[in-house]
Amino acid sequence: ALAVLVDIAGEGVPTVFWRELAGPGRSVLEMGRERARRQEGGFSYRHATIVEVGPEEIAAGLIVYPLDDPYDLTGLDEMPAHVQPLVRLEAQAPGSWYVNVLATFPEFRGQGIGTRLLALAEEKASEAGANTASIIVGSWNTGATRLYERAGYTTIASEPAVLPPDFPQSGDWVLLTRPVA
């Protein structure tokens, strides 16, 4: 479920990345699950909170962790083109508590779960001594943007999204931050 939530939060971009990594004979979801099982890196089960609403029924997920400070952009040009704008935005919020994934399955949206997960992210940021929380969202995702703005996040930068031509959306990746209380 974590890999699916990551793909929802990433607007389908993780699927593109995982497809490139998987190679022939491996499924995209298998690659996503493998990456989620890692001990290190941002996308790791170690940074995840899963919201269960019943026995074996998952509603949402959150992955948060601190961004490096200073943020090292070495090797940016060798990264896949679709990842580069995201990395450039992350670099503009060094040391912030980064909400890498906030996703709710469609049938559980509108119930306040996302709001509660954002509050949990801020609580974790405060406990860790972070001064700022950050999140990146696609400009086309107006529902998520409204949620983040209601939670006190403001836009500080954007980068044109590099998406495959068959993607239904287009626009910018937008970096939002908020002070941590």
N, C-alpha and C. Protein backbone atom coordinates (compact mmCIF):
# COMPACT_ATOMS: atom_id res chain seq x y z
N ALA A 1 0.82 -1.20 0.00
CA ALA A 1 0.00 0.00 0.00
C ALA A 1 0.86 1.26 0.00
N LEU A 2 2.02 1.22 0.65
CA LEU A 2 2.87 2.41 0.72
C LEU A 2 3.31 2.84 -0.67
N ALA A 3 3.69 1.90 -1.51
CA ALA A 3 4.13 2.26 -2.87
C ALA A 3 2.99 2.91 -3.65
N VAL A 4 1.78 2.42 -3.49
CA VAL A 4 0.63 3.00 -4.19
C VAL A 4 0.38 4.42 -3.68
N LEU A 5 0.46 4.62 -2.37
CA LEU A 5 0.27 5.96 -1.80
C LEU A 5 1.36 6.92 -2.29
N VAL A 6 2.58 6.44 -2.40
CA VAL A 6 3.67 7.27 -2.92
C VAL A 6 3.36 7.69 -4.35
N ASP A 7 2.85 6.78 -5.15
CA ASP A 7 2.53 7.11 -6.53
C ASP A 7 1.37 8.10 -6.61
N ILE A 8 0.38 7.96 -5.74
CA ILE A 8 -0.73 8.92 -5.70
C ILE A 8 -0.19 10.30 -5.36
N ALA A 9 0.61 10.38 -4.31
CA ALA A 9 1.16 11.68 -3.88
C ALA A 9 2.07 12.27 -4.95
N GLY A 10 2.79 11.42 -5.67
CA GLY A 10 3.73 11.88 -6.68
C GLY A 10 3.11 12.11 -8.04
N GLU A 11 1.78 12.09 -8.10
CA GLU A 11 1.05 12.41 -9.34
C GLU A 11 1.43 11.48 -10.49
N GLY A 12 1.84 10.24 -10.17
CA GLY A 12 2.21 9.28 -11.21
C GLY A 12 3.68 9.31 -11.60
N VAL A 13 4.41 10.30 -11.15
CA VAL A 13 5.84 10.39 -11.49
C VAL A 13 6.63 9.20 -10.93
N PRO A 14 6.33 8.73 -9.70
CA PRO A 14 7.06 7.56 -9.22
C PRO A 14 6.95 6.36 -10.16
N THR A 15 5.79 6.16 -10.77
CA THR A 15 5.63 5.06 -11.70
C THR A 15 6.62 5.17 -12.85
N VAL A 16 6.82 6.37 -13.37
CA VAL A 16 7.78 6.59 -14.46
C VAL A 16 9.19 6.20 -13.99
N PHE A 17 9.57 6.67 -12.82
CA PHE A 17 10.89 6.40 -12.26
C PHE A 17 11.06 4.90 -12.02
N TRP A 18 10.07 4.27 -11.40
CA TRP A 18 10.17 2.85 -11.09
C TRP A 18 10.21 2.01 -12.36
N ARG A 19 9.50 2.43 -13.39
CA ARG A 19 9.53 1.71 -14.67
C ARG A 19 10.95 1.70 -15.22
N GLU A 20 11.63 2.84 -15.14
CA GLU A 20 13.01 2.93 -15.62
C GLU A 20 13.93 2.03 -14.81
N LEU A 21 13.72 1.96 -13.50
CA LEU A 21 14.56 1.14 -12.63
C LEU A 21 14.27 -0.35 -12.76
N ALA A 22 13.00 -0.69 -12.99
CA ALA A 22 12.58 -2.09 -12.95
C ALA A 22 13.20 -2.92 -14.07
N GLY A 23 13.22 -2.38 -15.25
CA GLY A 23 13.74 -3.15 -16.37
C GLY A 23 12.81 -4.28 -16.76
N PRO A 24 13.22 -5.08 -17.74
CA PRO A 24 12.35 -6.15 -18.23
C PRO A 24 12.11 -7.23 -17.17
N GLY A 25 10.88 -7.72 -17.15
CA GLY A 25 10.55 -8.84 -16.28
C GLY A 25 10.18 -8.47 -14.85
N ARG A 26 10.26 -7.20 -14.49
CA ARG A 26 9.89 -6.79 -13.14
C ARG A 26 8.74 -5.79 -13.23
N SER A 27 7.81 -5.91 -12.32
CA SER A 27 6.67 -4.98 -12.34
C SER A 27 7.06 -3.65 -11.70
N VAL A 28 6.37 -2.62 -12.12
CA VAL A 28 6.59 -1.28 -11.59
C VAL A 28 6.28 -1.26 -10.09
N LEU A 29 5.17 -1.87 -9.70
CA LEU A 29 4.79 -1.87 -8.29
C LEU A 29 5.79 -2.66 -7.44
N GLU A 30 6.31 -3.74 -7.98
CA GLU A 30 7.35 -4.50 -7.27
C GLU A 30 8.56 -3.62 -7.00
N MET A 31 8.94 -2.81 -7.99
CA MET A 31 10.07 -1.89 -7.82
C MET A 31 9.75 -0.87 -6.74
N GLY A 32 8.53 -0.33 -6.74
CA GLY A 32 8.12 0.63 -5.71
C GLY A 32 8.16 0.02 -4.32
N ARG A 33 7.67 -1.20 -4.21
CA ARG A 33 7.71 -1.88 -2.90
C ARG A 33 9.14 -2.12 -2.44
N GLU A 34 10.01 -2.50 -3.38
CA GLU A 34 11.42 -2.72 -3.03
C GLU A 34 12.05 -1.44 -2.49
N ARG A 35 11.75 -0.32 -3.13
CA ARG A 35 12.31 0.96 -2.67
C ARG A 35 11.74 1.34 -1.31
N ALA A 36 10.49 1.04 -1.07
CA ALA A 36 9.87 1.36 0.23
C ALA A 36 10.49 0.54 1.36
N ARG A 37 11.00 -0.63 1.06
CA ARG A 37 11.60 -1.49 2.08
C ARG A 37 13.01 -1.06 2.48
N ARG A 38 13.57 -0.10 1.77
CA ARG A 38 14.94 0.34 2.06
C ARG A 38 15.04 0.92 3.48
N GLN A 39 16.21 0.74 4.06
CA GLN A 39 16.49 1.31 5.37
C GLN A 39 16.87 2.79 5.26
N GLU A 40 17.50 3.14 4.15
CA GLU A 40 18.03 4.50 3.96
C GLU A 40 17.24 5.23 2.88
N GLY A 41 17.45 6.54 2.81
CA GLY A 41 16.81 7.35 1.78
C GLY A 41 15.48 7.89 2.26
N GLY A 42 15.01 8.91 1.54
CA GLY A 42 13.75 9.55 1.92
C GLY A 42 12.56 8.62 1.79
N PHE A 43 12.47 7.92 0.65
CA PHE A 43 11.36 7.00 0.44
C PHE A 43 11.72 5.68 1.10
N SER A 44 11.42 5.59 2.38
CA SER A 44 11.68 4.40 3.18
C SER A 44 10.55 4.23 4.18
N TYR A 45 10.20 3.00 4.45
CA TYR A 45 9.16 2.73 5.44
C TYR A 45 9.49 3.37 6.79
N ARG A 46 10.78 3.61 7.04
CA ARG A 46 11.19 4.16 8.34
C ARG A 46 10.66 5.57 8.57
N HIS A 47 10.31 6.28 7.49
CA HIS A 47 9.81 7.65 7.60
C HIS A 47 8.29 7.70 7.44
N ALA A 48 7.65 6.54 7.34
CA ALA A 48 6.24 6.49 6.97
C ALA A 48 5.30 6.33 8.16
N THR A 49 4.14 6.94 8.02
CA THR A 49 3.00 6.74 8.92
C THR A 49 1.85 6.30 8.03
N ILE A 50 1.21 5.21 8.38
CA ILE A 50 0.08 4.68 7.62
C ILE A 50 -1.17 4.82 8.49
N VAL A 51 -2.26 5.31 7.88
CA VAL A 51 -3.54 5.45 8.58
C VAL A 51 -4.42 4.26 8.20
N GLU A 52 -4.74 3.46 9.21
CA GLU A 52 -5.65 2.33 9.01
C GLU A 52 -7.00 2.70 9.59
N VAL A 53 -8.07 2.36 8.88
CA VAL A 53 -9.41 2.68 9.34
C VAL A 53 -10.20 1.43 9.72
N GLY A 54 -9.60 0.31 9.60
CA GLY A 54 -10.23 -0.95 9.97
C GLY A 54 -9.21 -2.04 9.82
N PRO A 55 -9.61 -3.25 10.14
CA PRO A 55 -8.67 -4.36 9.98
C PRO A 55 -8.23 -4.47 8.52
N GLU A 56 -6.95 -4.28 8.32
CA GLU A 56 -6.34 -4.41 7.00
C GLU A 56 -6.93 -3.45 5.96
N GLU A 57 -7.47 -2.30 6.41
CA GLU A 57 -7.98 -1.29 5.49
C GLU A 57 -7.20 0.00 5.68
N ILE A 58 -6.43 0.35 4.67
CA ILE A 58 -5.56 1.53 4.74
C ILE A 58 -6.24 2.70 4.04
N ALA A 59 -6.21 3.86 4.71
CA ALA A 59 -6.85 5.05 4.17
C ALA A 59 -5.86 6.05 3.60
N ALA A 60 -4.69 6.17 4.23
CA ALA A 60 -3.77 7.25 3.85
C ALA A 60 -2.36 6.95 4.34
N GLY A 61 -1.44 7.78 3.88
CA GLY A 61 -0.05 7.64 4.31
C GLY A 61 0.68 8.96 4.28
N LEU A 62 1.74 9.01 5.06
CA LEU A 62 2.57 10.21 5.21
C LEU A 62 4.02 9.76 5.27
N ILE A 63 4.89 10.44 4.54
CA ILE A 63 6.33 10.24 4.68
C ILE A 63 6.95 11.61 4.89
N VAL A 64 7.65 11.78 6.01
CA VAL A 64 8.30 13.05 6.34
C VAL A 64 9.72 12.79 6.83
N TYR A 65 10.60 13.74 6.53
CA TYR A 65 11.98 13.65 6.99
C TYR A 65 12.64 15.01 6.77
N PRO A 66 13.77 15.25 7.43
CA PRO A 66 14.45 16.53 7.24
C PRO A 66 15.26 16.55 5.94
N LEU A 67 15.21 17.69 5.26
CA LEU A 67 16.07 17.88 4.09
C LEU A 67 17.46 18.28 4.56
N ASP A 68 18.45 17.88 3.80
CA ASP A 68 19.84 18.21 4.15
C ASP A 68 20.05 19.72 4.20
N ASP A 69 20.93 20.13 5.08
CA ASP A 69 21.33 21.54 5.18
C ASP A 69 22.82 21.57 5.47
N PRO A 70 23.65 21.97 4.53
CA PRO A 70 23.28 22.48 3.21
C PRO A 70 22.81 21.35 2.29
N TYR A 71 22.03 21.73 1.30
CA TYR A 71 21.49 20.78 0.33
C TYR A 71 22.46 20.70 -0.85
N ASP A 72 22.94 19.52 -1.13
CA ASP A 72 23.97 19.31 -2.15
C ASP A 72 23.32 18.99 -3.50
N LEU A 73 23.57 19.83 -4.48
CA LEU A 73 23.04 19.60 -5.83
C LEU A 73 24.03 18.92 -6.76
N THR A 74 25.12 18.40 -6.20
CA THR A 74 26.11 17.69 -7.02
C THR A 74 25.43 16.51 -7.71
N GLY A 75 25.67 16.39 -9.00
CA GLY A 75 25.10 15.28 -9.75
C GLY A 75 23.70 15.53 -10.29
N LEU A 76 23.18 16.73 -10.09
CA LEU A 76 21.82 17.04 -10.54
C LEU A 76 21.65 16.75 -12.04
N ASP A 77 22.62 17.12 -12.84
CA ASP A 77 22.51 16.94 -14.29
C ASP A 77 22.46 15.47 -14.71
N GLU A 78 22.93 14.56 -13.85
CA GLU A 78 22.89 13.13 -14.17
C GLU A 78 21.58 12.48 -13.74
N MET A 79 20.77 13.19 -12.97
CA MET A 79 19.49 12.65 -12.52
C MET A 79 18.49 12.65 -13.67
N PRO A 80 17.47 11.77 -13.59
CA PRO A 80 16.43 11.79 -14.63
C PRO A 80 15.81 13.19 -14.73
N ALA A 81 15.48 13.60 -15.96
CA ALA A 81 14.95 14.95 -16.20
C ALA A 81 13.71 15.24 -15.38
N HIS A 82 12.84 14.24 -15.17
CA HIS A 82 11.59 14.50 -14.44
C HIS A 82 11.83 14.72 -12.94
N VAL A 83 12.99 14.32 -12.44
CA VAL A 83 13.31 14.48 -11.02
C VAL A 83 14.01 15.82 -10.76
N GLN A 84 14.72 16.33 -11.73
CA GLN A 84 15.54 17.53 -11.53
C GLN A 84 14.78 18.74 -10.98
N PRO A 85 13.58 19.08 -11.51
CA PRO A 85 12.89 20.25 -10.94
C PRO A 85 12.51 20.04 -9.47
N LEU A 86 12.18 18.83 -9.11
CA LEU A 86 11.83 18.53 -7.72
C LEU A 86 13.04 18.72 -6.81
N VAL A 87 14.18 18.24 -7.25
CA VAL A 87 15.41 18.37 -6.46
C VAL A 87 15.81 19.84 -6.33
N ARG A 88 15.66 20.60 -7.42
CA ARG A 88 15.97 22.04 -7.35
C ARG A 88 15.07 22.74 -6.34
N LEU A 89 13.81 22.34 -6.27
CA LEU A 89 12.90 22.95 -5.29
C LEU A 89 13.27 22.53 -3.87
N GLU A 90 13.56 21.25 -3.67
CA GLU A 90 13.98 20.80 -2.34
C GLU A 90 15.18 21.62 -1.86
N ALA A 91 16.09 21.92 -2.77
CA ALA A 91 17.31 22.66 -2.41
C ALA A 91 17.00 24.07 -1.91
N GLN A 92 15.81 24.57 -2.20
CA GLN A 92 15.42 25.91 -1.75
C GLN A 92 14.80 25.91 -0.36
N ALA A 93 14.72 24.73 0.25
CA ALA A 93 14.18 24.63 1.61
C ALA A 93 15.12 23.79 2.48
N PRO A 94 16.43 24.09 2.48
CA PRO A 94 17.38 23.25 3.23
C PRO A 94 17.06 23.25 4.72
N GLY A 95 17.18 22.07 5.31
CA GLY A 95 16.95 21.94 6.75
C GLY A 95 15.48 21.90 7.14
N SER A 96 14.58 22.04 6.18
CA SER A 96 13.16 22.00 6.52
C SER A 96 12.71 20.56 6.73
N TRP A 97 11.59 20.42 7.41
CA TRP A 97 10.97 19.11 7.62
C TRP A 97 10.09 18.88 6.40
N TYR A 98 10.49 17.95 5.55
CA TYR A 98 9.90 17.79 4.22
C TYR A 98 8.78 16.76 4.23
N VAL A 99 7.60 17.19 3.82
CA VAL A 99 6.47 16.28 3.63
C VAL A 99 6.62 15.73 2.21
N ASN A 100 7.29 14.60 2.10
CA ASN A 100 7.57 14.00 0.80
C ASN A 100 6.33 13.33 0.23
N VAL A 101 5.53 12.73 1.10
CA VAL A 101 4.32 12.04 0.67
C VAL A 101 3.19 12.36 1.64
N LEU A 102 2.08 12.80 1.09
CA LEU A 102 0.82 12.91 1.82
C LEU A 102 -0.24 12.47 0.84
N ALA A 103 -0.81 11.30 1.06
CA ALA A 103 -1.78 10.76 0.11
C ALA A 103 -2.90 10.05 0.85
N THR A 104 -4.10 10.23 0.33
CA THR A 104 -5.29 9.57 0.86
C THR A 104 -5.96 8.84 -0.30
N PHE A 105 -6.35 7.60 -0.09
CA PHE A 105 -7.10 6.90 -1.13
C PHE A 105 -8.40 7.64 -1.39
N PRO A 106 -8.86 7.70 -2.64
CA PRO A 106 -10.02 8.53 -3.00
C PRO A 106 -11.26 8.33 -2.12
N GLU A 107 -11.54 7.12 -1.75
CA GLU A 107 -12.76 6.86 -0.97
C GLU A 107 -12.69 7.41 0.45
N PHE A 108 -11.51 7.85 0.89
CA PHE A 108 -11.36 8.39 2.24
C PHE A 108 -11.09 9.89 2.25
N ARG A 109 -11.13 10.51 1.08
CA ARG A 109 -10.89 11.95 1.01
C ARG A 109 -12.09 12.72 1.56
N GLY A 110 -11.81 13.94 2.02
CA GLY A 110 -12.88 14.80 2.54
C GLY A 110 -13.28 14.47 3.96
N GLN A 111 -12.51 13.65 4.65
CA GLN A 111 -12.83 13.25 6.02
C GLN A 111 -11.86 13.84 7.04
N GLY A 112 -10.99 14.74 6.60
CA GLY A 112 -10.05 15.38 7.52
C GLY A 112 -8.77 14.61 7.76
N ILE A 113 -8.58 13.50 7.08
CA ILE A 113 -7.38 12.69 7.30
C ILE A 113 -6.13 13.45 6.87
N GLY A 114 -6.18 14.10 5.72
CA GLY A 114 -5.04 14.88 5.24
C GLY A 114 -4.67 15.99 6.20
N THR A 115 -5.67 16.67 6.74
CA THR A 115 -5.43 17.74 7.71
C THR A 115 -4.75 17.19 8.96
N ARG A 116 -5.23 16.04 9.43
CA ARG A 116 -4.62 15.43 10.62
C ARG A 116 -3.18 14.97 10.34
N LEU A 117 -2.94 14.46 9.14
CA LEU A 117 -1.57 14.05 8.80
C LEU A 117 -0.64 15.25 8.70
N LEU A 118 -1.12 16.36 8.17
CA LEU A 118 -0.28 17.57 8.14
C LEU A 118 0.04 18.03 9.56
N ALA A 119 -0.94 17.95 10.46
CA ALA A 119 -0.69 18.31 11.86
C ALA A 119 0.35 17.37 12.48
N LEU A 120 0.27 16.09 12.16
CA LEU A 120 1.26 15.13 12.65
C LEU A 120 2.64 15.46 12.09
N ALA A 121 2.71 15.84 10.82
CA ALA A 121 4.00 16.22 10.22
C ALA A 121 4.60 17.40 10.96
N GLU A 122 3.77 18.39 11.30
CA GLU A 122 4.28 19.55 12.03
C GLU A 122 4.72 19.16 13.44
N GLU A 123 3.98 18.27 14.06
CA GLU A 123 4.37 17.79 15.40
C GLU A 123 5.74 17.11 15.34
N LYS A 124 5.94 16.26 14.34
CA LYS A 124 7.23 15.58 14.18
C LYS A 124 8.34 16.60 13.91
N ALA A 125 8.04 17.62 13.10
CA ALA A 125 9.02 18.66 12.80
C ALA A 125 9.41 19.41 14.06
N SER A 126 8.42 19.74 14.87
CA SER A 126 8.68 20.46 16.12
C SER A 126 9.54 19.62 17.07
N GLU A 127 9.19 18.34 17.19
CA GLU A 127 9.96 17.43 18.05
C GLU A 127 11.41 17.32 17.59
N ALA A 128 11.62 17.42 16.27
CA ALA A 128 12.97 17.30 15.71
C ALA A 128 13.73 18.63 15.74
N GLY A 129 13.05 19.70 16.16
CA GLY A 129 13.69 21.00 16.24
C GLY A 129 13.75 21.76 14.92
N ALA A 130 12.96 21.34 13.94
CA ALA A 130 12.94 22.05 12.65
C ALA A 130 12.18 23.36 12.80
N ASN A 131 12.61 24.38 12.07
CA ASN A 131 11.95 25.68 12.10
C ASN A 131 10.91 25.83 11.00
N THR A 132 11.03 25.00 9.96
CA THR A 132 10.19 25.14 8.78
C THR A 132 9.74 23.76 8.30
N ALA A 133 8.52 23.70 7.78
CA ALA A 133 8.03 22.50 7.10
C ALA A 133 7.89 22.85 5.62
N SER A 134 8.10 21.88 4.75
CA SER A 134 8.00 22.12 3.31
C SER A 134 7.27 20.98 2.63
N ILE A 135 6.70 21.31 1.47
CA ILE A 135 5.99 20.32 0.66
C ILE A 135 6.01 20.79 -0.78
N ILE A 136 6.00 19.86 -1.72
CA ILE A 136 5.94 20.19 -3.14
C ILE A 136 4.66 19.57 -3.71
N VAL A 137 3.94 20.37 -4.51
CA VAL A 137 2.68 19.91 -5.11
C VAL A 137 2.63 20.35 -6.57
N GLY A 138 1.93 19.58 -7.38
CA GLY A 138 1.71 19.98 -8.77
C GLY A 138 0.70 21.10 -8.84
N SER A 139 0.95 22.10 -9.68
CA SER A 139 0.04 23.24 -9.79
C SER A 139 -1.36 22.82 -10.22
N TRP A 140 -1.49 21.70 -10.87
CA TRP A 140 -2.77 21.18 -11.33
C TRP A 140 -3.56 20.54 -10.20
N ASN A 141 -2.93 20.27 -9.07
CA ASN A 141 -3.60 19.60 -7.95
C ASN A 141 -4.18 20.66 -7.01
N THR A 142 -5.27 21.26 -7.44
CA THR A 142 -5.84 22.39 -6.70
C THR A 142 -6.40 21.97 -5.34
N GLY A 143 -6.93 20.76 -5.24
CA GLY A 143 -7.45 20.29 -3.95
C GLY A 143 -6.36 20.20 -2.90
N ALA A 144 -5.23 19.61 -3.27
CA ALA A 144 -4.11 19.50 -2.33
C ALA A 144 -3.55 20.88 -2.00
N THR A 145 -3.45 21.74 -3.00
CA THR A 145 -2.94 23.09 -2.75
C THR A 145 -3.81 23.83 -1.75
N ARG A 146 -5.13 23.72 -1.90
CA ARG A 146 -6.05 24.35 -0.92
C ARG A 146 -5.82 23.80 0.49
N LEU A 147 -5.65 22.49 0.60
CA LEU A 147 -5.40 21.87 1.91
C LEU A 147 -4.14 22.45 2.54
N TYR A 148 -3.07 22.55 1.77
CA TYR A 148 -1.80 23.05 2.30
C TYR A 148 -1.91 24.53 2.67
N GLU A 149 -2.59 25.30 1.86
CA GLU A 149 -2.75 26.73 2.18
C GLU A 149 -3.60 26.92 3.43
N ARG A 150 -4.65 26.11 3.59
CA ARG A 150 -5.46 26.19 4.82
C ARG A 150 -4.63 25.84 6.05
N ALA A 151 -3.62 25.00 5.86
CA ALA A 151 -2.74 24.60 6.97
C ALA A 151 -1.62 25.61 7.20
N GLY A 152 -1.61 26.71 6.44
CA GLY A 152 -0.63 27.76 6.67
C GLY A 152 0.58 27.75 5.77
N TYR A 153 0.59 26.88 4.77
CA TYR A 153 1.70 26.83 3.82
C TYR A 153 1.54 27.95 2.80
N THR A 154 2.67 28.54 2.39
CA THR A 154 2.66 29.56 1.34
C THR A 154 3.68 29.19 0.27
N THR A 155 3.38 29.58 -0.95
CA THR A 155 4.25 29.30 -2.09
C THR A 155 5.52 30.14 -2.00
N ILE A 156 6.67 29.48 -2.19
CA ILE A 156 7.93 30.24 -2.21
C ILE A 156 8.69 30.09 -3.53
N ALA A 157 8.37 29.05 -4.30
CA ALA A 157 9.08 28.86 -5.57
C ALA A 157 8.32 27.85 -6.43
N SER A 158 8.63 27.84 -7.72
CA SER A 158 8.06 26.83 -8.61
C SER A 158 9.06 26.53 -9.72
N GLU A 159 8.88 25.38 -10.32
CA GLU A 159 9.72 24.92 -11.44
C GLU A 159 8.79 24.23 -12.43
N PRO A 160 9.00 24.42 -13.73
CA PRO A 160 8.19 23.69 -14.70
C PRO A 160 8.34 22.18 -14.50
N ALA A 161 7.21 21.49 -14.45
CA ALA A 161 7.24 20.03 -14.31
C ALA A 161 7.66 19.40 -15.63
N VAL A 162 8.52 18.41 -15.55
CA VAL A 162 8.93 17.64 -16.72
C VAL A 162 8.20 16.31 -16.63
N LEU A 163 7.15 16.19 -17.43
CA LEU A 163 6.28 15.02 -17.36
C LEU A 163 6.23 14.34 -18.73
N PRO A 164 5.97 13.04 -18.75
CA PRO A 164 5.84 12.35 -20.03
C PRO A 164 4.69 12.96 -20.85
N PRO A 165 4.80 12.92 -22.17
CA PRO A 165 3.77 13.54 -23.01
C PRO A 165 2.38 12.93 -22.84
N ASP A 166 2.31 11.68 -22.39
CA ASP A 166 1.00 11.05 -22.24
C ASP A 166 0.36 11.33 -20.88
N PHE A 167 1.01 12.13 -20.04
CA PHE A 167 0.41 12.47 -18.74
C PHE A 167 -0.77 13.40 -18.96
N PRO A 168 -1.85 13.21 -18.19
CA PRO A 168 -3.03 14.07 -18.37
C PRO A 168 -2.84 15.48 -17.82
N GLN A 169 -1.87 15.67 -16.96
CA GLN A 169 -1.67 16.99 -16.35
C GLN A 169 -0.41 17.65 -16.89
N SER A 170 -0.34 18.95 -16.68
CA SER A 170 0.86 19.71 -17.01
C SER A 170 0.86 20.95 -16.14
N GLY A 171 2.01 21.57 -16.03
CA GLY A 171 2.12 22.77 -15.21
C GLY A 171 3.45 22.81 -14.49
N ASP A 172 3.41 23.32 -13.27
CA ASP A 172 4.62 23.50 -12.47
C ASP A 172 4.57 22.66 -11.21
N TRP A 173 5.76 22.33 -10.71
CA TRP A 173 5.90 21.84 -9.35
C TRP A 173 6.03 23.08 -8.48
N VAL A 174 5.31 23.12 -7.37
CA VAL A 174 5.27 24.30 -6.51
C VAL A 174 5.76 23.92 -5.12
N LEU A 175 6.74 24.68 -4.62
CA LEU A 175 7.28 24.49 -3.27
C LEU A 175 6.53 25.42 -2.32
N LEU A 176 5.96 24.83 -1.27
CA LEU A 176 5.29 25.61 -0.23
C LEU A 176 5.99 25.34 1.09
N THR A 177 6.06 26.34 1.93
CA THR A 177 6.65 26.17 3.27
C THR A 177 5.76 26.85 4.30
N ARG A 178 6.00 26.50 5.54
CA ARG A 178 5.34 27.17 6.66
C ARG A 178 6.26 27.08 7.87
N PRO A 179 6.18 28.09 8.73
CA PRO A 179 6.96 28.01 9.97
C PRO A 179 6.42 26.91 10.87
N VAL A 180 7.29 26.28 11.62
CA VAL A 180 6.88 25.26 12.58
C VAL A 180 6.73 25.93 13.93
N ALA A 181 5.60 25.70 14.56
CA ALA A 181 5.33 26.32 15.87
C ALA A 181 6.12 25.64 16.97
